[in-house]
């Protein structure tokens, strides 16, 4: 899959992560979108590096989507913990 494919996957994974973890984010739509893209790259890298699941060349690979959504969820949670209003 190309970089453009990963960006599109990240946009969709970020939207799914936002749906699974609703609430107010400090960064709004653009922050969540960037977190989704970064999460897709992070999830794919972790999947290939430590889970020994090679990255598929196909856009519709279930484990690749799961890794991208999982990476987006992790980054969204970390972002909320670090920059959210709940720390007051």
C-alpha atoms as a PDB file:
ATOM      1  CA  UNK A   1       0.000   0.000   0.000  1.00  0.00           C
ATOM      2  CA  UNK A   2       1.327   3.443  -0.835  1.00  0.00           C
ATOM      3  CA  UNK A   3       1.710   6.447   1.450  1.00  0.00           C
ATOM      4  CA  UNK A   4      -1.536   7.867   0.056  1.00  0.00           C
ATOM      5  CA  UNK A   5      -3.275   4.608   0.954  1.00  0.00           C
ATOM      6  CA  UNK A   6      -1.957   4.834   4.507  1.00  0.00           C
ATOM      7  CA  UNK A   7      -3.136   8.445   4.786  1.00  0.00           C
ATOM      8  CA  UNK A   8      -6.626   7.502   3.617  1.00  0.00           C
ATOM      9  CA  UNK A   9      -6.614   4.522   5.973  1.00  0.00           C
ATOM     10  CA  UNK A  10      -5.498   6.858   8.764  1.00  0.00           C
ATOM     11  CA  UNK A  11      -8.316   9.300   8.066  1.00  0.00           C
ATOM     12  CA  UNK A  12     -10.862   6.501   8.232  1.00  0.00           C
ATOM     13  CA  UNK A  13      -9.210   4.897  11.259  1.00  0.00           C
ATOM     14  CA  UNK A  14      -9.245   8.250  13.064  1.00  0.00           C
ATOM     15  CA  UNK A  15     -12.963   8.645  12.364  1.00  0.00           C
ATOM     16  CA  UNK A  16     -13.651   5.120  13.623  1.00  0.00           C
ATOM     17  CA  UNK A  17     -11.522   5.716  16.723  1.00  0.00           C
ATOM     18  CA  UNK A  18     -13.426   8.947  17.384  1.00  0.00           C
ATOM     19  CA  UNK A  19     -16.711   7.034  17.017  1.00  0.00           C
ATOM     20  CA  UNK A  20     -15.509   4.344  19.454  1.00  0.00           C
ATOM     21  CA  UNK A  21     -14.187   6.922  21.927  1.00  0.00           C
ATOM     22  CA  UNK A  22     -16.644   9.834  21.826  1.00  0.00           C
ATOM     23  CA  UNK A  23     -16.093  13.060  23.691  1.00  0.00           C
ATOM     24  CA  UNK A  24     -14.598  16.469  23.323  1.00  0.00           C
ATOM     25  CA  UNK A  25     -11.047  16.479  22.021  1.00  0.00           C
ATOM     26  CA  UNK A  26      -8.740  19.437  22.621  1.00  0.00           C
ATOM     27  CA  UNK A  27      -7.627  19.504  18.975  1.00  0.00           C
ATOM     28  CA  UNK A  28     -10.994  19.310  17.265  1.00  0.00           C
ATOM     29  CA  UNK A  29     -11.486  17.765  13.837  1.00  0.00           C
ATOM     30  CA  UNK A  30      -8.004  18.485  12.479  1.00  0.00           C
ATOM     31  CA  UNK A  31      -6.246  17.216  15.588  1.00  0.00           C
ATOM     32  CA  UNK A  32      -8.263  13.999  15.527  1.00  0.00           C
ATOM     33  CA  UNK A  33      -7.523  13.592  11.819  1.00  0.00           C
ATOM     34  CA  UNK A  34      -3.776  13.957  12.345  1.00  0.00           C
ATOM     35  CA  UNK A  35      -3.937  11.543  15.277  1.00  0.00           C
ATOM     36  CA  UNK A  36      -5.724   9.049  13.018  1.00  0.00           C
ATOM     37  CA  UNK A  37      -3.045   9.283  10.354  1.00  0.00           C
ATOM     38  CA  UNK A  38      -0.229   8.973  12.903  1.00  0.00           C
ATOM     39  CA  UNK A  39      -2.082   6.106  14.589  1.00  0.00           C
ATOM     40  CA  UNK A  40      -2.366   4.209  11.320  1.00  0.00           C
ATOM     41  CA  UNK A  41       1.371   4.483  10.768  1.00  0.00           C
ATOM     42  CA  UNK A  42       2.096   3.569  14.401  1.00  0.00           C
ATOM     43  CA  UNK A  43      -0.277   0.616  14.390  1.00  0.00           C
ATOM     44  CA  UNK A  44       1.134  -0.700  11.111  1.00  0.00           C
ATOM     45  CA  UNK A  45       4.689  -0.343  12.366  1.00  0.00           C
ATOM     46  CA  UNK A  46       3.937  -2.109  15.665  1.00  0.00           C
ATOM     47  CA  UNK A  47       2.076  -4.855  13.825  1.00  0.00           C
ATOM     48  CA  UNK A  48       4.970  -5.479  11.459  1.00  0.00           C
ATOM     49  CA  UNK A  49       7.742  -5.052  14.015  1.00  0.00           C
ATOM     50  CA  UNK A  50       6.548  -6.855  17.135  1.00  0.00           C
ATOM     51  CA  UNK A  51       3.430  -8.818  16.214  1.00  0.00           C
ATOM     52  CA  UNK A  52       5.099 -10.406  13.177  1.00  0.00           C
ATOM     53  CA  UNK A  53       2.177  -9.569  10.888  1.00  0.00           C
ATOM     54  CA  UNK A  54       3.575  -8.199   7.652  1.00  0.00           C
ATOM     55  CA  UNK A  55       1.820  -5.199   6.211  1.00  0.00           C
ATOM     56  CA  UNK A  56      -0.550  -6.248   3.475  1.00  0.00           C
ATOM     57  CA  UNK A  57      -0.360  -4.808  -0.005  1.00  0.00           C
ATOM     58  CA  UNK A  58      -4.178  -4.701  -0.059  1.00  0.00           C
ATOM     59  CA  UNK A  59      -6.294  -1.866   1.317  1.00  0.00           C
ATOM     60  CA  UNK A  60      -9.035  -4.220   2.550  1.00  0.00           C
ATOM     61  CA  UNK A  61      -6.946  -6.356   4.912  1.00  0.00           C
ATOM     62  CA  UNK A  62      -8.698  -6.825   8.269  1.00  0.00           C
ATOM     63  CA  UNK A  63      -5.604  -7.060  10.493  1.00  0.00           C
ATOM     64  CA  UNK A  64      -4.146  -3.932   8.872  1.00  0.00           C
ATOM     65  CA  UNK A  65      -7.358  -2.037   9.630  1.00  0.00           C
ATOM     66  CA  UNK A  66      -7.372  -3.357  13.207  1.00  0.00           C
ATOM     67  CA  UNK A  67      -3.781  -2.209  13.704  1.00  0.00           C
ATOM     68  CA  UNK A  68      -4.553   1.240  12.280  1.00  0.00           C
ATOM     69  CA  UNK A  69      -7.659   1.684  14.443  1.00  0.00           C
ATOM     70  CA  UNK A  70      -5.826   0.374  17.512  1.00  0.00           C
ATOM     71  CA  UNK A  71      -2.952   2.782  16.949  1.00  0.00           C
ATOM     72  CA  UNK A  72      -5.412   5.654  16.524  1.00  0.00           C
ATOM     73  CA  UNK A  73      -7.211   4.726  19.754  1.00  0.00           C
ATOM     74  CA  UNK A  74      -3.953   4.582  21.680  1.00  0.00           C
ATOM     75  CA  UNK A  75      -2.792   7.960  20.394  1.00  0.00           C
ATOM     76  CA  UNK A  76      -6.224   9.520  20.997  1.00  0.00           C
ATOM     77  CA  UNK A  77      -6.218   8.322  24.615  1.00  0.00           C
ATOM     78  CA  UNK A  78      -2.673   9.594  25.169  1.00  0.00           C
ATOM     79  CA  UNK A  79      -3.595  12.929  23.574  1.00  0.00           C
ATOM     80  CA  UNK A  80      -6.633  13.307  25.836  1.00  0.00           C
ATOM     81  CA  UNK A  81      -4.631  12.452  28.944  1.00  0.00           C
ATOM     82  CA  UNK A  82      -1.882  14.938  28.109  1.00  0.00           C
ATOM     83  CA  UNK A  83      -3.926  17.825  26.715  1.00  0.00           C
ATOM     84  CA  UNK A  84      -7.523  17.288  27.849  1.00  0.00           C
ATOM     85  CA  UNK A  85      -9.452  19.467  30.304  1.00  0.00           C
ATOM     86  CA  UNK A  86      -9.991  16.548  32.689  1.00  0.00           C
ATOM     87  CA  UNK A  87      -6.708  17.294  34.505  1.00  0.00           C
ATOM     88  CA  UNK A  88      -8.125  20.282  36.415  1.00  0.00           C
END
